[in-house]
């Protein structure tokens, strides 16, 4: 049973006042779900950030509102792209009897211990997470997949190699079980592929420049464009 809790207070600040709320060290949030009207809430930045990091979007949380506990899961997280700080959280209340759908991370175990890596090969993960459905008590924090038995180039692990815990199912009943999660590559081939990809990106930039999209108007330096002073 989870033991992650967060105390929420009712929020009255809306619109531009939310900025001041953040400046005072609080994070705005919304709580919805069930038959109740969505509630605008707030909580301290430090505590909320810790809860978001610990729970992600896959671990139920005990929200404490007016002294009462409500089980919930995080549905969305808004981060400041510059400051990399939490800006807003949306919580969805659930019941222990509900079967909920959420995304959980796929964790490769045994990294550095496989025969493939021992032979100088590289194991790359192609898929980091997948959607599953289960009751809150059965939700795993992650799905683990061992790479120990990977030995040669082109060896791979697929969705079909994941052993789901009891009570857990893939969300998509038509899930492609042959979807590749991890592959084994020869380092030189991987480097060549990366260089080729970099070359394609460079070629696209050159084409744009030839078309005048990346070239400043005649008589104007690259350091000062017409819109530089107004672009913010």
C-alpha atoms as a PDB file:
ATOM      1  CA  UNK A   1       0.000   0.000   0.000  1.00  0.00           C
ATOM      2  CA  UNK A   2       1.318   3.425  -0.902  1.00  0.00           C
ATOM      3  CA  UNK A   3       2.296   5.880   1.808  1.00  0.00           C
ATOM      4  CA  UNK A   4       2.724   9.034  -0.290  1.00  0.00           C
ATOM      5  CA  UNK A   5       0.634  11.886   1.081  1.00  0.00           C
ATOM      6  CA  UNK A   6       0.159  15.550   0.242  1.00  0.00           C
ATOM      7  CA  UNK A   7      -1.866  18.124   2.139  1.00  0.00           C
ATOM      8  CA  UNK A   8      -3.838  20.485  -0.092  1.00  0.00           C
ATOM      9  CA  UNK A   9      -5.511  23.760   0.747  1.00  0.00           C
ATOM     10  CA  UNK A  10      -8.322  25.382  -1.191  1.00  0.00           C
ATOM     11  CA  UNK A  11      -7.101  27.959  -3.700  1.00  0.00           C
ATOM     12  CA  UNK A  12      -8.849  31.250  -4.393  1.00  0.00           C
ATOM     13  CA  UNK A  13      -6.113  32.803  -6.535  1.00  0.00           C
ATOM     14  CA  UNK A  14      -6.917  32.741 -10.246  1.00  0.00           C
ATOM     15  CA  UNK A  15      -5.529  34.338 -13.379  1.00  0.00           C
ATOM     16  CA  UNK A  16      -2.628  36.726 -12.830  1.00  0.00           C
ATOM     17  CA  UNK A  17      -2.807  36.195  -9.055  1.00  0.00           C
ATOM     18  CA  UNK A  18      -1.471  32.664  -9.579  1.00  0.00           C
ATOM     19  CA  UNK A  19       1.935  34.146 -10.416  1.00  0.00           C
ATOM     20  CA  UNK A  20       2.079  35.776  -6.981  1.00  0.00           C
ATOM     21  CA  UNK A  21       1.012  32.458  -5.459  1.00  0.00           C
ATOM     22  CA  UNK A  22       4.021  30.785  -7.056  1.00  0.00           C
ATOM     23  CA  UNK A  23       6.295  33.621  -5.974  1.00  0.00           C
ATOM     24  CA  UNK A  24       5.160  32.913  -2.395  1.00  0.00           C
ATOM     25  CA  UNK A  25       6.284  29.283  -2.678  1.00  0.00           C
ATOM     26  CA  UNK A  26       3.014  27.526  -3.518  1.00  0.00           C
ATOM     27  CA  UNK A  27       1.991  25.377  -6.462  1.00  0.00           C
ATOM     28  CA  UNK A  28      -1.521  25.690  -7.930  1.00  0.00           C
ATOM     29  CA  UNK A  29      -3.363  22.479  -8.715  1.00  0.00           C
ATOM     30  CA  UNK A  30      -6.776  21.104  -9.580  1.00  0.00           C
ATOM     31  CA  UNK A  31      -8.489  18.031  -8.144  1.00  0.00           C
ATOM     32  CA  UNK A  32     -11.224  16.363 -10.155  1.00  0.00           C
ATOM     33  CA  UNK A  33     -12.945  13.019 -10.504  1.00  0.00           C
ATOM     34  CA  UNK A  34     -16.011  11.240  -9.174  1.00  0.00           C
ATOM     35  CA  UNK A  35     -19.245  13.158  -8.721  1.00  0.00           C
ATOM     36  CA  UNK A  36     -17.733  16.197  -7.045  1.00  0.00           C
ATOM     37  CA  UNK A  37     -17.041  19.537  -8.688  1.00  0.00           C
ATOM     38  CA  UNK A  38     -13.372  20.137  -9.626  1.00  0.00           C
ATOM     39  CA  UNK A  39     -11.532  21.852  -6.786  1.00  0.00           C
ATOM     40  CA  UNK A  40      -8.860  24.530  -7.228  1.00  0.00           C
ATOM     41  CA  UNK A  41      -6.118  23.768  -4.716  1.00  0.00           C
ATOM     42  CA  UNK A  42      -2.621  24.754  -3.654  1.00  0.00           C
ATOM     43  CA  UNK A  43       0.277  23.226  -1.753  1.00  0.00           C
ATOM     44  CA  UNK A  44       3.872  24.148  -0.791  1.00  0.00           C
ATOM     45  CA  UNK A  45       6.378  23.939  -3.645  1.00  0.00           C
ATOM     46  CA  UNK A  46       8.974  21.802  -1.830  1.00  0.00           C
ATOM     47  CA  UNK A  47       6.510  19.174  -0.572  1.00  0.00           C
ATOM     48  CA  UNK A  48       4.643  19.029  -3.868  1.00  0.00           C
ATOM     49  CA  UNK A  49       7.831  18.610  -5.895  1.00  0.00           C
ATOM     50  CA  UNK A  50       8.901  15.694  -3.671  1.00  0.00           C
ATOM     51  CA  UNK A  51       5.518  14.001  -4.109  1.00  0.00           C
ATOM     52  CA  UNK A  52       5.538  14.454  -7.890  1.00  0.00           C
ATOM     53  CA  UNK A  53       9.032  12.958  -8.128  1.00  0.00           C
ATOM     54  CA  UNK A  54       8.127  10.027  -5.918  1.00  0.00           C
ATOM     55  CA  UNK A  55       4.739   9.231  -7.444  1.00  0.00           C
ATOM     56  CA  UNK A  56       5.075  10.222 -11.067  1.00  0.00           C
ATOM     57  CA  UNK A  57       1.901   9.405 -12.985  1.00  0.00           C
ATOM     58  CA  UNK A  58       1.745   5.803 -11.838  1.00  0.00           C
ATOM     59  CA  UNK A  59       1.630   5.731  -8.023  1.00  0.00           C
ATOM     60  CA  UNK A  60      -1.551   6.615  -6.085  1.00  0.00           C
ATOM     61  CA  UNK A  61      -1.310   9.488  -3.606  1.00  0.00           C
ATOM     62  CA  UNK A  62      -3.260  10.224  -0.432  1.00  0.00           C
ATOM     63  CA  UNK A  63      -4.489  13.789  -0.791  1.00  0.00           C
ATOM     64  CA  UNK A  64      -5.416  15.331   2.556  1.00  0.00           C
ATOM     65  CA  UNK A  65      -8.133  17.947   2.071  1.00  0.00           C
ATOM     66  CA  UNK A  66      -9.862  19.485   5.094  1.00  0.00           C
ATOM     67  CA  UNK A  67      -8.540  16.635   7.241  1.00  0.00           C
ATOM     68  CA  UNK A  68     -10.027  13.969   4.937  1.00  0.00           C
ATOM     69  CA  UNK A  69      -8.071  11.583   2.743  1.00  0.00           C
ATOM     70  CA  UNK A  70      -8.799  11.157  -0.934  1.00  0.00           C
ATOM     71  CA  UNK A  71      -6.946   8.649  -3.063  1.00  0.00           C
ATOM     72  CA  UNK A  72      -5.736  10.201  -6.305  1.00  0.00           C
ATOM     73  CA  UNK A  73      -3.327   9.824  -9.174  1.00  0.00           C
ATOM     74  CA  UNK A  74      -1.444  12.549 -11.026  1.00  0.00           C
ATOM     75  CA  UNK A  75      -2.862  13.044 -14.515  1.00  0.00           C
ATOM     76  CA  UNK A  76      -0.739  15.949 -15.734  1.00  0.00           C
ATOM     77  CA  UNK A  77       2.312  17.929 -14.659  1.00  0.00           C
ATOM     78  CA  UNK A  78       3.299  21.345 -15.996  1.00  0.00           C
ATOM     79  CA  UNK A  79       6.968  22.303 -15.686  1.00  0.00           C
ATOM     80  CA  UNK A  80       8.600  25.660 -16.401  1.00  0.00           C
ATOM     81  CA  UNK A  81      10.758  24.975 -19.502  1.00  0.00           C
ATOM     82  CA  UNK A  82      13.378  27.531 -18.454  1.00  0.00           C
ATOM     83  CA  UNK A  83      13.551  27.238 -14.662  1.00  0.00           C
ATOM     84  CA  UNK A  84      12.678  23.509 -14.707  1.00  0.00           C
ATOM     85  CA  UNK A  85      10.384  24.067 -11.749  1.00  0.00           C
ATOM     86  CA  UNK A  86       6.894  22.743 -11.136  1.00  0.00           C
ATOM     87  CA  UNK A  87       4.118  25.121 -12.231  1.00  0.00           C
ATOM     88  CA  UNK A  88       0.865  23.154 -11.987  1.00  0.00           C
ATOM     89  CA  UNK A  89      -0.460  19.684 -11.158  1.00  0.00           C
ATOM     90  CA  UNK A  90      -3.758  18.007 -12.015  1.00  0.00           C
ATOM     91  CA  UNK A  91      -4.947  15.253  -9.662  1.00  0.00           C
ATOM     92  CA  UNK A  92      -7.672  12.732 -10.470  1.00  0.00           C
ATOM     93  CA  UNK A  93      -9.430  11.101  -7.502  1.00  0.00           C
ATOM     94  CA  UNK A  94      -9.935   7.347  -7.659  1.00  0.00           C
ATOM     95  CA  UNK A  95     -11.338   4.495  -5.587  1.00  0.00           C
ATOM     96  CA  UNK A  96      -9.551   1.345  -4.481  1.00  0.00           C
ATOM     97  CA  UNK A  97     -12.075  -0.655  -6.514  1.00  0.00           C
ATOM     98  CA  UNK A  98     -11.466   1.337  -9.710  1.00  0.00           C
ATOM     99  CA  UNK A  99      -9.478  -0.161 -12.543  1.00  0.00           C
ATOM    100  CA  UNK A 100      -7.392   2.746 -13.769  1.00  0.00           C
ATOM    101  CA  UNK A 101      -5.178   3.288 -16.777  1.00  0.00           C
ATOM    102  CA  UNK A 102      -1.778   4.866 -16.337  1.00  0.00           C
ATOM    103  CA  UNK A 103       1.701   4.917 -17.815  1.00  0.00           C
ATOM    104  CA  UNK A 104       4.555   3.148 -16.027  1.00  0.00           C
ATOM    105  CA  UNK A 105       8.280   3.183 -16.820  1.00  0.00           C
ATOM    106  CA  UNK A 106      10.056   0.147 -18.255  1.00  0.00           C
ATOM    107  CA  UNK A 107      13.319  -0.481 -16.407  1.00  0.00           C
ATOM    108  CA  UNK A 108      16.094  -2.599 -17.905  1.00  0.00           C
ATOM    109  CA  UNK A 109      17.863  -4.624 -15.225  1.00  0.00           C
ATOM    110  CA  UNK A 110      21.243  -6.283 -15.438  1.00  0.00           C
ATOM    111  CA  UNK A 111      22.857  -3.461 -17.380  1.00  0.00           C
ATOM    112  CA  UNK A 112      26.584  -3.998 -17.666  1.00  0.00           C
ATOM    113  CA  UNK A 113      26.175  -7.703 -16.884  1.00  0.00           C
ATOM    114  CA  UNK A 114      24.940  -9.112 -20.201  1.00  0.00           C
ATOM    115  CA  UNK A 115      27.132 -11.229 -22.477  1.00  0.00           C
ATOM    116  CA  UNK A 116      26.496  -8.717 -25.264  1.00  0.00           C
ATOM    117  CA  UNK A 117      27.958  -5.850 -23.245  1.00  0.00           C
ATOM    118  CA  UNK A 118      30.810  -8.079 -22.131  1.00  0.00           C
ATOM    119  CA  UNK A 119      31.652  -8.570 -25.811  1.00  0.00           C
ATOM    120  CA  UNK A 120      31.771  -4.808 -26.360  1.00  0.00           C
ATOM    121  CA  UNK A 121      28.300  -4.452 -27.856  1.00  0.00           C
ATOM    122  CA  UNK A 122      25.749  -1.796 -26.910  1.00  0.00           C
ATOM    123  CA  UNK A 123      22.221  -2.323 -25.586  1.00  0.00           C
ATOM    124  CA  UNK A 124      19.870   0.546 -26.343  1.00  0.00           C
ATOM    125  CA  UNK A 125      16.378   0.994 -24.932  1.00  0.00           C
ATOM    126  CA  UNK A 126      13.802   2.014 -27.545  1.00  0.00           C
ATOM    127  CA  UNK A 127      10.696   2.327 -25.352  1.00  0.00           C
ATOM    128  CA  UNK A 128      10.828   3.922 -21.898  1.00  0.00           C
ATOM    129  CA  UNK A 129       7.230   3.410 -20.742  1.00  0.00           C
ATOM    130  CA  UNK A 130       3.927   1.755 -21.549  1.00  0.00           C
ATOM    131  CA  UNK A 131       0.279   2.111 -20.517  1.00  0.00           C
ATOM    132  CA  UNK A 132      -1.237  -0.517 -18.262  1.00  0.00           C
ATOM    133  CA  UNK A 133      -4.462  -0.904 -16.311  1.00  0.00           C
ATOM    134  CA  UNK A 134      -5.007  -2.242 -12.810  1.00  0.00           C
ATOM    135  CA  UNK A 135      -6.610  -1.450  -9.480  1.00  0.00           C
ATOM    136  CA  UNK A 136      -4.644   1.074  -7.379  1.00  0.00           C
ATOM    137  CA  UNK A 137      -3.339  -1.574  -4.995  1.00  0.00           C
ATOM    138  CA  UNK A 138      -1.967  -3.624  -7.898  1.00  0.00           C
ATOM    139  CA  UNK A 139      -0.245  -0.812  -9.786  1.00  0.00           C
ATOM    140  CA  UNK A 140       3.515  -1.447 -10.056  1.00  0.00           C
ATOM    141  CA  UNK A 141       5.972   1.449  -9.832  1.00  0.00           C
ATOM    142  CA  UNK A 142       7.686   0.082 -12.939  1.00  0.00           C
ATOM    143  CA  UNK A 143       7.931  -2.964 -15.181  1.00  0.00           C
ATOM    144  CA  UNK A 144      11.337  -4.646 -15.085  1.00  0.00           C
ATOM    145  CA  UNK A 145      12.954  -6.464 -17.984  1.00  0.00           C
ATOM    146  CA  UNK A 146      16.264  -8.304 -17.721  1.00  0.00           C
ATOM    147  CA  UNK A 147      18.876  -7.923 -20.456  1.00  0.00           C
ATOM    148  CA  UNK A 148      21.139 -10.630 -19.024  1.00  0.00           C
ATOM    149  CA  UNK A 149      20.380 -13.117 -21.825  1.00  0.00           C
ATOM    150  CA  UNK A 150      21.221 -10.733 -24.662  1.00  0.00           C
ATOM    151  CA  UNK A 151      24.356 -12.011 -26.371  1.00  0.00           C
ATOM    152  CA  UNK A 152      24.739 -10.909 -30.006  1.00  0.00           C
ATOM    153  CA  UNK A 153      24.054  -8.111 -32.492  1.00  0.00           C
ATOM    154  CA  UNK A 154      20.351  -7.817 -33.385  1.00  0.00           C
ATOM    155  CA  UNK A 155      19.250  -9.642 -30.228  1.00  0.00           C
ATOM    156  CA  UNK A 156      16.190  -7.855 -28.916  1.00  0.00           C
ATOM    157  CA  UNK A 157      13.614  -7.690 -26.159  1.00  0.00           C
ATOM    158  CA  UNK A 158       9.949  -7.136 -26.986  1.00  0.00           C
ATOM    159  CA  UNK A 159       6.723  -6.357 -25.197  1.00  0.00           C
ATOM    160  CA  UNK A 160       6.050 -10.100 -25.126  1.00  0.00           C
ATOM    161  CA  UNK A 161       9.112 -10.506 -22.874  1.00  0.00           C
ATOM    162  CA  UNK A 162       7.512  -8.452 -20.093  1.00  0.00           C
ATOM    163  CA  UNK A 163       6.017 -10.522 -17.300  1.00  0.00           C
ATOM    164  CA  UNK A 164       3.067  -8.552 -15.950  1.00  0.00           C
ATOM    165  CA  UNK A 165       2.302  -8.782 -12.216  1.00  0.00           C
ATOM    166  CA  UNK A 166      -0.966 -10.385 -11.167  1.00  0.00           C
ATOM    167  CA  UNK A 167      -3.925  -8.067 -11.656  1.00  0.00           C
ATOM    168  CA  UNK A 168      -2.149  -5.963 -14.276  1.00  0.00           C
ATOM    169  CA  UNK A 169      -2.967  -5.838 -17.992  1.00  0.00           C
ATOM    170  CA  UNK A 170      -1.800  -3.832 -20.964  1.00  0.00           C
ATOM    171  CA  UNK A 171      -4.206  -0.995 -21.630  1.00  0.00           C
ATOM    172  CA  UNK A 172      -4.417  -1.748 -25.345  1.00  0.00           C
ATOM    173  CA  UNK A 173      -6.049  -5.135 -25.905  1.00  0.00           C
ATOM    174  CA  UNK A 174      -4.551  -5.112 -29.396  1.00  0.00           C
ATOM    175  CA  UNK A 175      -1.074  -4.330 -28.075  1.00  0.00           C
ATOM    176  CA  UNK A 176       1.616  -5.285 -30.577  1.00  0.00           C
ATOM    177  CA  UNK A 177       3.527  -7.900 -28.611  1.00  0.00           C
ATOM    178  CA  UNK A 178       6.380  -7.777 -31.137  1.00  0.00           C
ATOM    179  CA  UNK A 179       7.073  -4.112 -30.363  1.00  0.00           C
ATOM    180  CA  UNK A 180      10.807  -3.823 -29.615  1.00  0.00           C
ATOM    181  CA  UNK A 181      11.862  -2.460 -26.227  1.00  0.00           C
ATOM    182  CA  UNK A 182      15.642  -2.906 -26.509  1.00  0.00           C
ATOM    183  CA  UNK A 183      18.150  -3.849 -29.218  1.00  0.00           C
ATOM    184  CA  UNK A 184      21.786  -4.943 -29.317  1.00  0.00           C
ATOM    185  CA  UNK A 185      24.029  -2.933 -31.655  1.00  0.00           C
ATOM    186  CA  UNK A 186      27.631  -2.983 -32.856  1.00  0.00           C
ATOM    187  CA  UNK A 187      29.214   0.297 -31.602  1.00  0.00           C
ATOM    188  CA  UNK A 188      30.645   1.129 -35.042  1.00  0.00           C
ATOM    189  CA  UNK A 189      27.278   0.616 -36.738  1.00  0.00           C
ATOM    190  CA  UNK A 190      25.593   2.776 -34.103  1.00  0.00           C
ATOM    191  CA  UNK A 191      28.173   5.539 -34.613  1.00  0.00           C
ATOM    192  CA  UNK A 192      27.705   5.380 -38.389  1.00  0.00           C
ATOM    193  CA  UNK A 193      23.920   5.666 -37.992  1.00  0.00           C
ATOM    194  CA  UNK A 194      24.330   8.673 -35.680  1.00  0.00           C
ATOM    195  CA  UNK A 195      26.717  10.362 -38.101  1.00  0.00           C
ATOM    196  CA  UNK A 196      24.326   9.707 -40.982  1.00  0.00           C
ATOM    197  CA  UNK A 197      21.467  11.220 -39.009  1.00  0.00           C
ATOM    198  CA  UNK A 198      23.627  14.239 -38.189  1.00  0.00           C
ATOM    199  CA  UNK A 199      24.560  14.606 -41.841  1.00  0.00           C
ATOM    200  CA  UNK A 200      20.901  14.617 -42.890  1.00  0.00           C
ATOM    201  CA  UNK A 201      20.116  17.345 -40.366  1.00  0.00           C
ATOM    202  CA  UNK A 202      23.081  19.401 -41.596  1.00  0.00           C
ATOM    203  CA  UNK A 203      21.970  18.948 -45.208  1.00  0.00           C
ATOM    204  CA  UNK A 204      18.471  20.203 -44.376  1.00  0.00           C
ATOM    205  CA  UNK A 205      19.968  23.320 -42.757  1.00  0.00           C
ATOM    206  CA  UNK A 206      22.082  23.975 -45.845  1.00  0.00           C
ATOM    207  CA  UNK A 207      19.024  23.679 -48.086  1.00  0.00           C
ATOM    208  CA  UNK A 208      17.133  26.151 -45.917  1.00  0.00           C
ATOM    209  CA  UNK A 209      20.054  28.574 -46.119  1.00  0.00           C
ATOM    210  CA  UNK A 210      20.156  28.240 -49.909  1.00  0.00           C
ATOM    211  CA  UNK A 211      16.465  29.066 -50.012  1.00  0.00           C
ATOM    212  CA  UNK A 212      17.128  32.176 -47.957  1.00  0.00           C
ATOM    213  CA  UNK A 213      15.327  30.917 -44.842  1.00  0.00           C
ATOM    214  CA  UNK A 214      18.459  30.993 -42.701  1.00  0.00           C
ATOM    215  CA  UNK A 215      20.298  33.794 -44.494  1.00  0.00           C
ATOM    216  CA  UNK A 216      19.905  37.390 -43.232  1.00  0.00           C
ATOM    217  CA  UNK A 217      18.823  40.058 -45.730  1.00  0.00           C
ATOM    218  CA  UNK A 218      21.565  41.647 -47.820  1.00  0.00           C
ATOM    219  CA  UNK A 219      23.557  44.245 -45.939  1.00  0.00           C
ATOM    220  CA  UNK A 220      22.392  42.971 -42.554  1.00  0.00           C
ATOM    221  CA  UNK A 221      24.596  41.056 -40.135  1.00  0.00           C
ATOM    222  CA  UNK A 222      23.570  37.711 -38.661  1.00  0.00           C
ATOM    223  CA  UNK A 223      23.794  39.154 -35.162  1.00  0.00           C
ATOM    224  CA  UNK A 224      20.910  41.577 -35.705  1.00  0.00           C
ATOM    225  CA  UNK A 225      17.682  40.587 -37.398  1.00  0.00           C
ATOM    226  CA  UNK A 226      14.689  42.918 -37.965  1.00  0.00           C
ATOM    227  CA  UNK A 227      12.632  41.187 -35.310  1.00  0.00           C
ATOM    228  CA  UNK A 228      15.359  40.833 -32.689  1.00  0.00           C
ATOM    229  CA  UNK A 229      14.146  43.774 -30.626  1.00  0.00           C
ATOM    230  CA  UNK A 230      10.517  42.697 -30.505  1.00  0.00           C
ATOM    231  CA  UNK A 231      10.900  38.917 -30.200  1.00  0.00           C
ATOM    232  CA  UNK A 232      10.489  37.920 -26.595  1.00  0.00           C
END
